[in-house]
Amino acid sequence: MNPSASSRSTSGPSTGERATAPDELIALPPGFPAGAGLPPVVLELGRLFEDAGHDLSLVGGPVRDLFLGRVSPDLDFTTDADPDTTLRIARKWADAHWDIGKKFGTIGFSKHGWQLEVTTYRAEQYDPNSRKPQVAFGESLDDDLVRRDFTVNAMAIRLPSLELVDLFGGVKDLAAGRLRTPAAPEDSFSDDPLRMMRAARFASQLGIGVDESVVSAMTSMAERITIISAERVREELVKLVNGSRPRAGINLLVDTGLADHVLPELPALKLETDEHHRHKDVYEHSLTVMEQAMDHEYEPPAGPDAVDDTGTDTGTEAGAEGEANAEAFVPPSGTYVPAPDFILRFAALMHDVGKPATRRFEPNGAVTFRHHDVVGAKLVKQRMRALKFDNDTIKAVARLVELHMRFYGYGEADWTDSAVRRYVTDAGPVLPRLHALTRSDVTTRNRRKVERLAHAYDDLERRIVEITEKEELEAIRPDLDGKQVMSILGIKPGPVVGRAYQHLLEYRLDEGPHDEETATAELLRWWAEQPESRPPKTDQ
């Protein structure tokens, strides 16, 4: 376990200082994986609670990750002490503390750069008509563990004795690659319906299979996800898409009917056959495009802030050498963004959601989806707003969906420099992702077509580099600014200035850069055609 990861948690403050090196980890007794260990702060906290007459156990993800050979960024504990007692026991020992989660039984601490959260044994459940959990404190570790979401997360280590508590076979389920619930899945999902989303998320993140009893309960209870707030659903969806095997998680959402409530555009794609007739349906094509988009991501260089798709720390010690290596890093050819990139993956998954609404059967037997890119962009915006995504993320994903067809035809028709400029300026900051999405949206089995499209996009990227280097396309502006426009035309600020500016931008995109004299002549030519340039009529 690496505290540099835990210090990045957003759950509370952190000192950001590292005090424990990996070789200082406390070795675990037989029964744990060889080489696994815990940082001294875990045992220190355990002894504090023991001296105070209370139980404390490390629980959940940190214990699971020990058996997966991974480093957990979180140190989560559970105790019989109430929140006020927890605070009294450890506040002087800790470097800092926070009680933002106190009403849910959680007190947070930081110590030597580690973040630790201690939660009172609890038993929470949802009222059938409420979006918020009803929190009640429990009385024993056993009661707490049976309320956990899955057996792999219902393991604990008693402190400071380091006794493993695995009442429900979590270790065996990890070894078998199986996701089960400690109690009956119907009871577990009734307590917290979001656990159904978590099942799909863990299928993606851990590459773990889902027990048939869990799948059956998810299917019968799918509608219950509607009582969960959009924000909580969104967070699980992001983690799912960013996992190492998102296809498995997405399939589980669709097959159980959960997607009908949280992402209904996806199951709708199962009804459509793509225009090439070489895929089972547009749904399968979309999953393939998402997976191919992942191939255009690169693993960022390891540094003090590196984490993987599960939030697991993969970082190295901070220092000048590490920073220099990061600065010198050059992504592999054909990759565009660091992994995982939610915007790219989600755009790839959703890029064809406009097809069901635009499908047309032509007289010659062909099937067309005209303007599905534009319609899809609108649908994506609507869905992401419903899921409470931030505006920047919505804008980026929708832009990619809107532009994903722009490239097609480049190989058959010679694009002018103006067309290349527009491609770059329309994409704006999502251009690298558009490169990745466009290259990924080729799933035909016709190798010649694949090679032809790849060569054509290679050529387009080459031209973009050439024109960008010559004209600085990323910061493209008209040859005259607003003040110059007003001075030349003798007009005051207002809508006309904006129209003139837009015309000069179009002129710049079409013709390339011009000197001030040429741009002024074009502005005056345009102005002569505008009604505002003519003197007002006077009555005779």
Protein backbone atom coordinates (compact mmCIF):
# COMPACT_ATOMS: atom_id res chain seq x y z
CA MET A 1 0.00 0.00 0.00
CA ASN A 2 1.27 3.42 -0.95
CA PRO A 3 0.17 6.48 0.99
CA SER A 4 0.79 8.77 -1.93
CA ALA A 5 -2.35 7.28 -3.43
CA SER A 6 -4.45 7.70 -0.34
CA SER A 7 -3.37 11.30 0.01
CA ARG A 8 -5.12 12.00 -3.26
CA SER A 9 -8.53 11.01 -1.94
CA THR A 10 -11.12 13.76 -2.00
CA SER A 11 -12.74 12.63 1.22
CA GLY A 12 -10.69 14.93 3.39
CA PRO A 13 -7.45 16.83 3.94
CA SER A 14 -4.01 15.28 3.72
CA THR A 15 -0.52 16.22 4.73
CA GLY A 16 0.80 14.86 1.44
CA GLU A 17 3.97 13.69 3.24
CA ARG A 18 5.27 10.16 2.97
CA ALA A 19 6.66 8.64 6.11
CA THR A 20 6.54 4.88 5.44
CA ALA A 21 8.58 3.21 2.72
CA PRO A 22 7.33 -0.07 1.19
CA ASP A 23 10.05 -2.08 2.95
CA GLU A 24 8.64 -0.89 6.28
CA LEU A 25 5.29 -2.59 5.81
CA ILE A 26 4.23 -4.89 8.61
CA ALA A 27 4.29 -8.49 7.37
CA LEU A 28 1.05 -10.44 7.63
CA PRO A 29 0.76 -13.94 9.18
CA PRO A 30 0.21 -17.18 7.23
CA GLY A 31 -3.06 -17.26 5.33
CA PHE A 32 -2.36 -13.99 3.57
CA PRO A 33 -0.58 -13.73 0.22
CA ALA A 34 3.21 -13.92 0.41
CA GLY A 35 4.78 -10.50 0.60
CA ALA A 36 1.55 -8.75 1.57
CA GLY A 37 1.83 -6.18 4.33
CA LEU A 38 0.19 -3.25 6.04
CA PRO A 39 1.60 0.17 6.93
CA PRO A 40 2.44 0.71 10.62
CA VAL A 41 -0.30 3.36 10.95
CA VAL A 42 -2.89 0.58 10.67
CA LEU A 43 -1.54 -1.25 13.70
CA GLU A 44 -0.96 1.98 15.59
CA LEU A 45 -4.62 2.91 15.19
CA GLY A 46 -5.67 -0.60 16.13
CA ARG A 47 -3.73 -0.42 19.39
CA LEU A 48 -5.27 2.93 20.23
CA PHE A 49 -8.76 1.45 19.95
CA GLU A 50 -7.73 -1.68 21.85
CA ASP A 51 -6.32 0.42 24.70
CA ALA A 52 -9.60 2.36 24.77
CA GLY A 53 -11.58 -0.87 25.07
CA HIS A 54 -13.02 -0.85 21.54
CA ASP A 55 -12.77 -3.10 18.48
CA LEU A 56 -11.27 -1.94 15.20
CA SER A 57 -10.92 -3.81 11.90
CA LEU A 58 -9.56 -2.97 8.48
CA VAL A 59 -12.39 -3.75 6.10
CA GLY A 60 -13.53 -3.89 2.49
CA GLY A 61 -11.41 -2.83 -0.46
CA PRO A 62 -8.02 -2.74 1.29
CA VAL A 63 -8.45 -6.35 2.42
CA ARG A 64 -9.71 -7.48 -0.99
CA ASP A 65 -6.80 -5.83 -2.74
CA LEU A 66 -4.28 -7.65 -0.53
CA PHE A 67 -5.51 -10.90 -2.08
CA LEU A 68 -5.44 -9.43 -5.58
CA GLY A 69 -1.82 -8.38 -5.19
CA ARG A 70 -2.77 -4.75 -5.63
CA VAL A 71 -2.22 -1.60 -3.66
CA SER A 72 -5.34 0.06 -2.28
CA PRO A 73 -5.42 3.85 -2.03
CA ASP A 74 -8.00 3.70 0.77
CA LEU A 75 -7.67 2.58 4.37
CA ASP A 76 -11.20 1.88 5.57
CA PHE A 77 -11.95 0.69 9.11
CA THR A 78 -15.02 -0.34 11.03
CA THR A 79 -15.52 -0.18 14.81
CA ASP A 80 -18.00 -0.64 17.62
CA ALA A 81 -17.17 2.89 18.85
CA ASP A 82 -19.61 5.64 18.01
CA PRO A 83 -18.31 8.62 15.97
CA ASP A 84 -17.73 10.85 19.01
CA THR A 85 -15.74 8.10 20.73
CA THR A 86 -13.73 7.46 17.57
CA LEU A 87 -12.84 11.13 17.39
CA ARG A 88 -11.85 11.20 21.06
CA ILE A 89 -9.61 8.12 20.67
CA ALA A 90 -7.61 9.22 17.65
CA ARG A 91 -7.76 12.99 17.24
CA LYS A 92 -4.56 13.66 19.19
CA TRP A 93 -2.73 10.83 17.43
CA ALA A 94 -3.69 11.98 13.94
CA ASP A 95 -2.05 14.80 12.01
CA ALA A 96 -5.51 16.03 11.03
CA HIS A 97 -9.12 14.90 11.21
CA TRP A 98 -12.49 15.71 9.63
CA ASP A 99 -16.04 14.79 10.49
CA ILE A 100 -17.91 15.60 7.27
CA GLY A 101 -19.37 12.06 7.29
CA LYS A 102 -20.19 11.99 10.97
CA LYS A 103 -23.95 11.64 10.48
CA PHE A 104 -23.20 8.43 8.54
CA GLY A 105 -20.89 7.22 11.32
CA THR A 106 -17.62 8.11 9.58
CA ILE A 107 -14.67 10.07 10.96
CA GLY A 108 -11.64 10.72 8.78
CA PHE A 109 -8.00 11.05 9.82
CA SER A 110 -4.66 11.66 8.15
CA LYS A 111 -1.41 10.31 9.52
CA HIS A 112 2.00 10.46 7.84
CA GLY A 113 0.33 11.05 4.48
CA TRP A 114 -2.14 8.20 4.82
CA GLN A 115 -5.87 8.87 4.85
CA LEU A 116 -7.93 6.66 7.13
CA GLU A 117 -11.71 6.53 7.51
CA VAL A 118 -13.27 4.90 10.55
CA THR A 119 -16.96 4.04 10.42
CA THR A 120 -19.13 2.74 13.21
CA TYR A 121 -20.68 -0.67 12.58
CA ARG A 122 -23.81 0.12 10.66
CA ALA A 123 -26.86 -1.36 9.04
CA GLU A 124 -28.34 0.91 6.41
CA GLN A 125 -31.27 0.37 4.11
CA TYR A 126 -33.46 2.29 1.71
CA ASP A 127 -37.09 3.13 2.19
CA PRO A 128 -38.85 1.92 -0.98
CA ASN A 129 -39.87 5.47 -1.81
CA SER A 130 -36.70 7.31 -0.76
CA ARG A 131 -33.47 8.12 -2.56
CA LYS A 132 -31.54 8.45 0.69
CA PRO A 133 -30.27 5.65 2.96
CA GLN A 134 -31.61 5.24 6.47
CA VAL A 135 -28.51 4.87 8.61
CA ALA A 136 -28.59 2.83 11.82
CA PHE A 137 -25.50 1.79 13.76
CA GLY A 138 -24.92 -1.93 14.17
CA GLU A 139 -23.69 -3.90 17.16
CA SER A 140 -21.08 -6.33 15.83
CA LEU A 141 -18.54 -6.87 13.08
CA ASP A 142 -20.55 -9.85 11.81
CA ASP A 143 -23.64 -7.68 11.44
CA ASP A 144 -21.60 -5.05 9.62
CA LEU A 145 -20.04 -7.52 7.18
CA VAL A 146 -23.31 -9.18 6.23
CA ARG A 147 -24.55 -5.74 5.12
CA ARG A 148 -21.63 -5.30 2.72
CA ASP A 149 -22.29 -5.36 -1.01
CA PHE A 150 -20.33 -8.46 -2.10
CA THR A 151 -18.43 -11.26 -0.40
CA VAL A 152 -15.12 -10.05 -1.85
CA ASN A 153 -15.70 -6.77 -0.01
CA ALA A 154 -17.04 -8.39 3.17
CA MET A 155 -13.67 -9.43 4.56
CA ALA A 156 -11.97 -7.77 7.51
CA ILE A 157 -8.72 -7.90 9.47
CA ARG A 158 -9.11 -7.50 13.22
CA LEU A 159 -6.60 -5.09 14.72
CA PRO A 160 -4.08 -5.24 16.12
CA SER A 161 -4.21 -9.08 16.13
CA LEU A 162 -4.20 -9.30 12.28
CA GLU A 163 -6.88 -12.01 12.36
CA LEU A 164 -8.62 -12.46 9.00
CA VAL A 165 -12.42 -12.50 9.19
CA ASP A 166 -13.96 -14.06 6.08
CA LEU A 167 -17.43 -15.25 7.05
CA PHE A 168 -18.83 -15.52 3.52
CA GLY A 169 -16.02 -17.02 1.46
CA GLY A 170 -14.65 -13.85 -0.09
CA VAL A 171 -11.18 -15.33 -0.64
CA LYS A 172 -12.64 -18.36 -2.42
CA ASP A 173 -14.85 -16.13 -4.56
CA LEU A 174 -11.84 -14.04 -5.58
CA ALA A 175 -9.96 -17.19 -6.54
CA ALA A 176 -12.96 -18.45 -8.50
CA GLY A 177 -13.54 -15.07 -10.17
CA ARG A 178 -17.09 -14.95 -8.86
CA LEU A 179 -19.17 -12.07 -7.50
CA ARG A 180 -21.72 -13.03 -4.84
CA THR A 181 -23.54 -11.19 -2.07
CA PRO A 182 -23.09 -12.07 1.64
CA ALA A 183 -26.84 -12.27 2.17
CA ALA A 184 -29.55 -13.09 -0.35
CA PRO A 185 -28.98 -10.74 -3.31
CA GLU A 186 -32.59 -9.58 -3.16
CA ASP A 187 -32.03 -8.39 0.42
CA SER A 188 -28.72 -6.78 -0.47
CA PHE A 189 -30.14 -4.87 -3.43
CA SER A 190 -33.19 -3.86 -1.46
CA ASP A 191 -30.89 -2.36 1.19
CA ASP A 192 -29.05 -0.35 -1.47
CA PRO A 193 -30.14 -0.67 -5.11
CA LEU A 194 -26.93 1.01 -6.26
CA ARG A 195 -25.21 -2.30 -5.54
CA MET A 196 -26.67 -3.55 -8.81
CA MET A 197 -24.63 -0.89 -10.61
CA ARG A 198 -21.61 -1.85 -8.53
CA ALA A 199 -21.92 -5.45 -9.69
CA ALA A 200 -21.56 -4.24 -13.28
CA ARG A 201 -18.73 -1.95 -12.25
CA PHE A 202 -16.78 -4.77 -10.58
CA ALA A 203 -17.33 -6.97 -13.63
CA SER A 204 -15.55 -4.25 -15.59
CA GLN A 205 -12.84 -3.34 -13.09
CA LEU A 206 -11.92 -6.75 -11.70
CA GLY A 207 -12.77 -8.90 -14.70
CA ILE A 208 -14.84 -11.02 -12.33
CA GLY A 209 -17.86 -13.14 -13.26
CA VAL A 210 -21.23 -12.48 -11.67
CA ASP A 211 -23.04 -15.31 -9.93
CA GLU A 212 -26.33 -16.34 -11.53
CA SER A 213 -28.21 -15.56 -8.33
CA VAL A 214 -26.95 -11.99 -8.53
CA VAL A 215 -27.87 -11.66 -12.20
CA SER A 216 -31.36 -13.02 -11.49
CA ALA A 217 -31.93 -10.55 -8.66
CA MET A 218 -30.64 -7.65 -10.75
CA THR A 219 -33.05 -8.59 -13.52
CA SER A 220 -36.08 -8.83 -11.28
CA MET A 221 -35.24 -5.68 -9.31
CA ALA A 222 -33.85 -3.46 -12.09
CA GLU A 223 -36.59 -0.86 -11.76
CA ARG A 224 -35.56 -0.23 -8.16
CA ILE A 225 -32.48 1.61 -9.42
CA THR A 226 -34.80 4.53 -10.15
CA ILE A 227 -34.87 5.49 -6.45
CA ILE A 228 -31.12 6.17 -6.54
CA SER A 229 -29.97 9.71 -7.25
CA ALA A 230 -28.60 10.46 -10.71
CA GLU A 231 -25.29 11.58 -9.20
CA ARG A 232 -24.64 8.19 -7.56
CA VAL A 233 -25.59 6.31 -10.71
CA ARG A 234 -23.28 8.57 -12.74
CA GLU A 235 -20.30 7.86 -10.50
CA GLU A 236 -20.74 4.10 -10.88
CA LEU A 237 -21.17 4.44 -14.64
CA VAL A 238 -17.93 6.41 -14.95
CA LYS A 239 -16.02 3.79 -12.96
CA LEU A 240 -17.54 1.03 -15.09
CA VAL A 241 -16.61 2.69 -18.39
CA ASN A 242 -13.11 3.38 -17.10
CA GLY A 243 -12.58 -0.25 -16.10
CA SER A 244 -10.29 -2.66 -17.89
CA ARG A 245 -13.22 -4.71 -19.29
CA PRO A 246 -16.12 -2.28 -19.79
CA ARG A 247 -17.83 -4.58 -22.31
CA ALA A 248 -18.61 -7.05 -19.51
CA GLY A 249 -20.13 -4.35 -17.32
CA ILE A 250 -22.15 -2.78 -20.13
CA ASN A 251 -23.49 -6.18 -21.20
CA LEU A 252 -24.59 -6.87 -17.64
CA LEU A 253 -26.46 -3.55 -17.48
CA VAL A 254 -28.22 -4.27 -20.76
CA ASP A 255 -28.95 -7.97 -20.17
CA THR A 256 -30.49 -7.37 -16.73
CA GLY A 257 -32.60 -4.40 -17.82
CA LEU A 258 -30.73 -1.87 -15.67
CA ALA A 259 -29.71 0.02 -18.78
CA ASP A 260 -33.39 0.53 -19.64
CA HIS A 261 -33.49 2.88 -16.66
CA VAL A 262 -30.03 4.47 -16.58
CA LEU A 263 -28.87 4.40 -20.22
CA PRO A 264 -31.84 3.39 -22.41
CA GLU A 265 -30.14 4.48 -25.63
CA LEU A 266 -27.90 1.40 -25.48
CA PRO A 267 -30.49 -1.42 -25.46
CA ALA A 268 -32.30 0.49 -28.24
CA LEU A 269 -29.27 -0.18 -30.44
CA LYS A 270 -29.91 -3.91 -30.29
CA LEU A 271 -32.85 -3.35 -32.61
CA GLU A 272 -30.69 -1.87 -35.35
CA THR A 273 -28.45 -3.48 -37.96
CA ASP A 274 -25.53 -1.38 -39.06
CA GLU A 275 -25.19 -0.27 -42.66
CA HIS A 276 -22.41 -2.73 -43.44
CA HIS A 277 -24.51 -5.75 -42.36
CA ARG A 278 -21.38 -7.36 -40.96
CA HIS A 279 -22.18 -7.03 -37.28
CA LYS A 280 -24.82 -8.65 -35.14
CA ASP A 281 -26.27 -5.20 -34.56
CA VAL A 282 -25.27 -1.61 -33.93
CA TYR A 283 -25.01 -2.41 -30.23
CA GLU A 284 -22.23 -4.93 -30.79
CA HIS A 285 -20.55 -2.53 -33.22
CA SER A 286 -20.60 0.19 -30.55
CA LEU A 287 -18.98 -2.09 -27.98
CA THR A 288 -16.27 -2.98 -30.47
CA VAL A 289 -15.62 0.68 -31.26
CA MET A 290 -15.30 1.40 -27.53
CA GLU A 291 -12.77 -1.40 -27.11
CA GLN A 292 -10.82 -0.25 -30.15
CA ALA A 293 -10.81 3.29 -28.78
CA MET A 294 -9.16 1.93 -25.63
CA ASP A 295 -6.32 0.70 -27.84
CA HIS A 296 -5.63 4.34 -28.72
CA GLU A 297 -5.05 5.24 -25.07
CA TYR A 298 -1.58 5.09 -23.57
CA GLU A 299 -0.40 4.26 -20.12
CA PRO A 300 0.93 7.48 -18.59
CA PRO A 301 4.43 7.35 -17.13
CA ALA A 302 4.45 6.22 -13.52
CA GLY A 303 4.78 9.10 -11.10
CA PRO A 304 3.78 10.01 -7.55
CA ASP A 305 0.18 10.62 -8.65
CA ALA A 306 -0.40 7.54 -10.84
CA VAL A 307 -3.45 5.35 -10.20
CA ASP A 308 -5.11 2.69 -12.32
CA ASP A 309 -8.75 2.41 -13.39
CA THR A 310 -9.84 1.14 -9.97
CA GLY A 311 -8.11 3.95 -8.11
CA THR A 312 -5.31 1.57 -7.11
CA ASP A 313 -1.99 3.28 -6.62
CA THR A 314 0.63 2.57 -9.28
CA GLY A 315 2.80 5.53 -8.45
CA THR A 316 6.49 5.87 -7.72
CA GLU A 317 8.44 8.05 -5.36
CA ALA A 318 8.35 11.73 -6.14
CA GLY A 319 11.60 13.35 -7.19
CA ALA A 320 13.45 15.23 -9.90
CA GLU A 321 14.26 12.04 -11.81
CA GLY A 322 10.61 10.94 -11.90
CA GLU A 323 9.43 14.38 -13.00
CA ALA A 324 12.09 14.49 -15.74
CA ASN A 325 11.02 11.07 -17.02
CA ALA A 326 7.39 12.23 -17.13
CA GLU A 327 8.31 15.36 -19.07
CA ALA A 328 10.39 13.35 -21.55
CA PHE A 329 7.66 10.78 -22.09
CA VAL A 330 6.45 10.40 -25.69
CA PRO A 331 3.19 8.45 -26.16
CA PRO A 332 3.44 5.41 -28.43
CA SER A 333 2.49 5.94 -32.07
CA GLY A 334 -1.25 5.66 -32.65
CA THR A 335 -2.19 6.66 -29.11
CA TYR A 336 -3.71 10.01 -28.23
CA VAL A 337 -4.86 10.25 -24.60
CA PRO A 338 -3.78 8.76 -21.26
CA ALA A 339 -5.78 5.78 -20.00
CA PRO A 340 -8.48 5.59 -18.90
CA ASP A 341 -10.23 8.38 -20.79
CA PHE A 342 -13.95 8.45 -19.99
CA ILE A 343 -14.81 11.07 -22.62
CA LEU A 344 -13.29 9.02 -25.44
CA ARG A 345 -14.74 5.71 -24.25
CA PHE A 346 -18.22 7.05 -23.61
CA ALA A 347 -18.31 8.87 -26.95
CA ALA A 348 -17.28 5.63 -28.66
CA LEU A 349 -20.00 3.72 -26.82
CA MET A 350 -22.67 6.30 -27.65
CA HIS A 351 -21.56 7.46 -31.11
CA ASP A 352 -24.36 5.69 -32.98
CA VAL A 353 -27.28 6.26 -30.59
CA GLY A 354 -28.91 8.47 -33.22
CA LYS A 355 -29.40 5.55 -35.61
CA PRO A 356 -32.72 4.16 -34.31
CA ALA A 357 -34.42 7.53 -34.83
CA THR A 358 -32.92 8.09 -38.29
CA ARG A 359 -33.19 4.63 -39.87
CA ARG A 360 -34.77 4.72 -43.32
CA PHE A 361 -35.42 1.92 -45.79
CA GLU A 362 -34.64 3.12 -49.30
CA PRO A 363 -36.47 1.91 -52.46
CA ASN A 364 -33.36 0.06 -53.58
CA GLY A 365 -33.33 -1.96 -50.34
CA ALA A 366 -30.55 -0.01 -48.68
CA VAL A 367 -30.81 1.15 -45.08
CA THR A 368 -29.68 4.69 -44.30
CA PHE A 369 -29.11 6.65 -41.10
CA ARG A 370 -28.80 10.18 -42.44
CA HIS A 371 -27.89 12.81 -39.84
CA HIS A 372 -27.62 10.20 -37.09
CA ASP A 373 -24.49 12.04 -35.94
CA VAL A 374 -26.41 15.26 -35.27
CA VAL A 375 -29.39 13.47 -33.72
CA GLY A 376 -27.05 11.33 -31.63
CA ALA A 377 -25.25 14.39 -30.26
CA LYS A 378 -28.58 15.80 -29.06
CA LEU A 379 -29.55 12.50 -27.43
CA VAL A 380 -26.17 12.25 -25.70
CA LYS A 381 -26.58 15.75 -24.28
CA GLN A 382 -30.02 14.90 -22.95
CA ARG A 383 -28.88 11.67 -21.31
CA MET A 384 -25.75 13.15 -19.76
CA ARG A 385 -27.71 16.09 -18.38
CA ALA A 386 -30.16 13.64 -16.82
CA LEU A 387 -27.18 11.90 -15.20
CA LYS A 388 -25.91 15.25 -13.87
CA PHE A 389 -22.62 15.31 -15.76
CA ASP A 390 -20.75 18.60 -15.76
CA ASN A 391 -21.14 20.88 -18.77
CA ASP A 392 -17.58 20.47 -20.04
CA THR A 393 -17.84 16.69 -20.16
CA ILE A 394 -21.24 16.85 -21.86
CA LYS A 395 -19.93 19.29 -24.44
CA ALA A 396 -16.86 17.17 -25.21
CA VAL A 397 -18.74 13.87 -25.61
CA ALA A 398 -21.52 15.46 -27.70
CA ARG A 399 -18.97 17.15 -29.93
CA LEU A 400 -17.25 13.85 -30.63
CA VAL A 401 -20.55 12.17 -31.47
CA GLU A 402 -21.49 15.06 -33.76
CA LEU A 403 -18.17 14.94 -35.63
CA HIS A 404 -17.55 11.21 -35.80
CA MET A 405 -18.71 11.00 -39.44
CA ARG A 406 -16.90 14.13 -40.67
CA PHE A 407 -13.82 12.27 -41.91
CA TYR A 408 -15.65 9.83 -44.18
CA GLY A 409 -15.26 10.87 -47.77
CA TYR A 410 -11.79 12.29 -47.21
CA GLY A 411 -10.25 9.43 -49.19
CA GLU A 412 -12.63 9.84 -52.13
CA ALA A 413 -12.63 13.63 -52.34
CA ASP A 414 -9.62 15.87 -52.06
CA TRP A 415 -10.05 18.06 -49.03
CA THR A 416 -8.90 21.61 -49.49
CA ASP A 417 -6.73 23.27 -46.86
CA SER A 418 -9.89 25.10 -45.86
CA ALA A 419 -11.66 21.79 -45.11
CA VAL A 420 -8.72 20.63 -43.02
CA ARG A 421 -8.74 23.91 -41.08
CA ARG A 422 -12.45 23.52 -40.36
CA TYR A 423 -11.95 19.96 -39.18
CA VAL A 424 -9.39 21.17 -36.66
CA THR A 425 -11.25 24.25 -35.48
CA ASP A 426 -14.59 22.44 -35.22
CA ALA A 427 -12.99 19.72 -33.08
CA GLY A 428 -11.11 22.20 -30.94
CA PRO A 429 -9.72 20.61 -27.76
CA VAL A 430 -11.25 17.18 -28.52
CA LEU A 431 -9.19 16.76 -31.71
CA PRO A 432 -6.90 14.04 -30.26
CA ARG A 433 -9.96 12.12 -29.10
CA LEU A 434 -11.60 12.62 -32.50
CA HIS A 435 -8.53 11.05 -34.10
CA ALA A 436 -8.91 8.05 -31.79
CA LEU A 437 -12.68 7.75 -32.26
CA THR A 438 -12.55 8.01 -36.04
CA ARG A 439 -9.83 5.38 -36.31
CA SER A 440 -11.78 3.13 -33.93
CA ASP A 441 -15.03 3.41 -35.91
CA VAL A 442 -13.81 0.93 -38.51
CA THR A 443 -15.00 -2.58 -37.71
CA THR A 444 -15.38 -4.01 -41.20
CA ARG A 445 -13.74 -7.35 -41.96
CA ASN A 446 -12.65 -6.04 -45.37
CA ARG A 447 -8.91 -5.65 -44.82
CA ARG A 448 -8.45 -3.53 -47.94
CA LYS A 449 -11.05 -1.06 -46.71
CA VAL A 450 -9.45 -0.98 -43.27
CA GLU A 451 -6.05 -0.25 -44.77
CA ARG A 452 -7.44 2.36 -47.16
CA LEU A 453 -9.19 4.26 -44.36
CA ALA A 454 -6.13 4.03 -42.12
CA HIS A 455 -3.88 5.42 -44.87
CA ALA A 456 -6.37 8.20 -45.57
CA TYR A 457 -6.46 9.20 -41.92
CA ASP A 458 -2.68 9.04 -41.75
CA ASP A 459 -2.65 11.53 -44.61
CA LEU A 460 -5.19 13.77 -42.89
CA GLU A 461 -3.16 13.83 -39.68
CA ARG A 462 -0.03 14.65 -41.69
CA ARG A 463 -1.76 17.58 -43.36
CA ILE A 464 -3.10 18.80 -40.01
CA VAL A 465 0.45 18.84 -38.64
CA GLU A 466 1.79 20.68 -41.68
CA ILE A 467 -0.93 23.33 -41.72
CA THR A 468 -0.87 23.70 -37.94
CA GLU A 469 2.86 24.27 -37.91
CA LYS A 470 2.49 26.90 -40.63
CA GLU A 471 -0.63 28.66 -39.34
CA GLU A 472 -1.00 27.79 -35.63
CA LEU A 473 -4.51 26.42 -36.17
CA GLU A 474 -5.13 25.78 -32.48
CA ALA A 475 -5.24 29.54 -31.92
CA ILE A 476 -6.72 30.55 -35.25
CA ARG A 477 -8.25 34.03 -35.28
CA PRO A 478 -9.45 36.44 -37.97
CA ASP A 479 -6.78 38.70 -39.43
CA LEU A 480 -8.47 41.74 -37.84
CA ASP A 481 -9.74 42.00 -34.28
CA GLY A 482 -12.95 43.61 -33.04
CA LYS A 483 -11.39 47.01 -32.36
CA GLN A 484 -9.93 47.15 -35.85
CA VAL A 485 -13.31 46.21 -37.33
CA MET A 486 -15.05 49.04 -35.48
CA SER A 487 -12.35 51.52 -36.44
CA ILE A 488 -12.36 50.61 -40.14
CA LEU A 489 -16.17 50.58 -40.44
CA GLY A 490 -16.77 53.47 -38.06
CA ILE A 491 -19.31 51.54 -36.02
CA LYS A 492 -19.94 51.03 -32.33
CA PRO A 493 -20.00 47.73 -30.40
CA GLY A 494 -23.00 45.59 -31.28
CA PRO A 495 -24.25 42.62 -33.28
CA VAL A 496 -22.79 43.96 -36.53
CA VAL A 497 -19.27 43.69 -35.11
CA GLY A 498 -19.91 40.04 -34.29
CA ARG A 499 -21.17 39.35 -37.82
CA ALA A 500 -18.15 41.06 -39.31
CA TYR A 501 -15.82 39.11 -37.05
CA GLN A 502 -17.50 35.81 -38.02
CA HIS A 503 -17.18 36.67 -41.71
CA LEU A 504 -13.48 37.37 -41.31
CA LEU A 505 -13.07 34.06 -39.47
CA GLU A 506 -14.78 32.21 -42.33
CA TYR A 507 -12.55 34.09 -44.78
CA ARG A 508 -9.49 33.08 -42.74
CA LEU A 509 -10.55 29.44 -42.70
CA ASP A 510 -11.29 29.39 -46.43
CA GLU A 511 -8.31 31.33 -47.71
CA GLY A 512 -5.66 31.06 -45.02
CA PRO A 513 -3.86 33.98 -43.35
CA HIS A 514 -3.75 37.44 -44.99
CA ASP A 515 -1.96 40.68 -44.34
CA GLU A 516 -3.89 43.57 -42.79
CA GLU A 517 -4.40 45.38 -46.11
CA THR A 518 -5.98 42.34 -47.79
CA ALA A 519 -8.16 41.60 -44.79
CA THR A 520 -9.33 45.22 -44.68
CA ALA A 521 -10.27 45.10 -48.36
CA GLU A 522 -12.32 41.94 -47.75
CA LEU A 523 -14.02 43.54 -44.75
CA LEU A 524 -14.99 46.60 -46.80
CA ARG A 525 -16.28 44.38 -49.62
CA TRP A 526 -18.46 42.48 -47.14
CA TRP A 527 -19.60 45.71 -45.50
CA ALA A 528 -20.79 47.18 -48.82
CA GLU A 529 -23.28 44.30 -49.07
CA GLN A 530 -24.74 44.83 -45.59
CA PRO A 531 -27.93 46.87 -45.13
CA GLU A 532 -26.36 48.77 -42.23
CA SER A 533 -23.78 50.28 -44.58
CA ARG A 534 -26.38 52.16 -46.60
CA PRO A 535 -27.42 55.66 -45.47
CA PRO A 536 -30.97 55.86 -44.12
CA LYS A 537 -33.63 57.05 -46.55
CA THR A 538 -35.00 60.56 -45.99
CA ASP A 539 -38.47 61.78 -46.83
CA GLN A 540 -38.64 64.22 -49.77
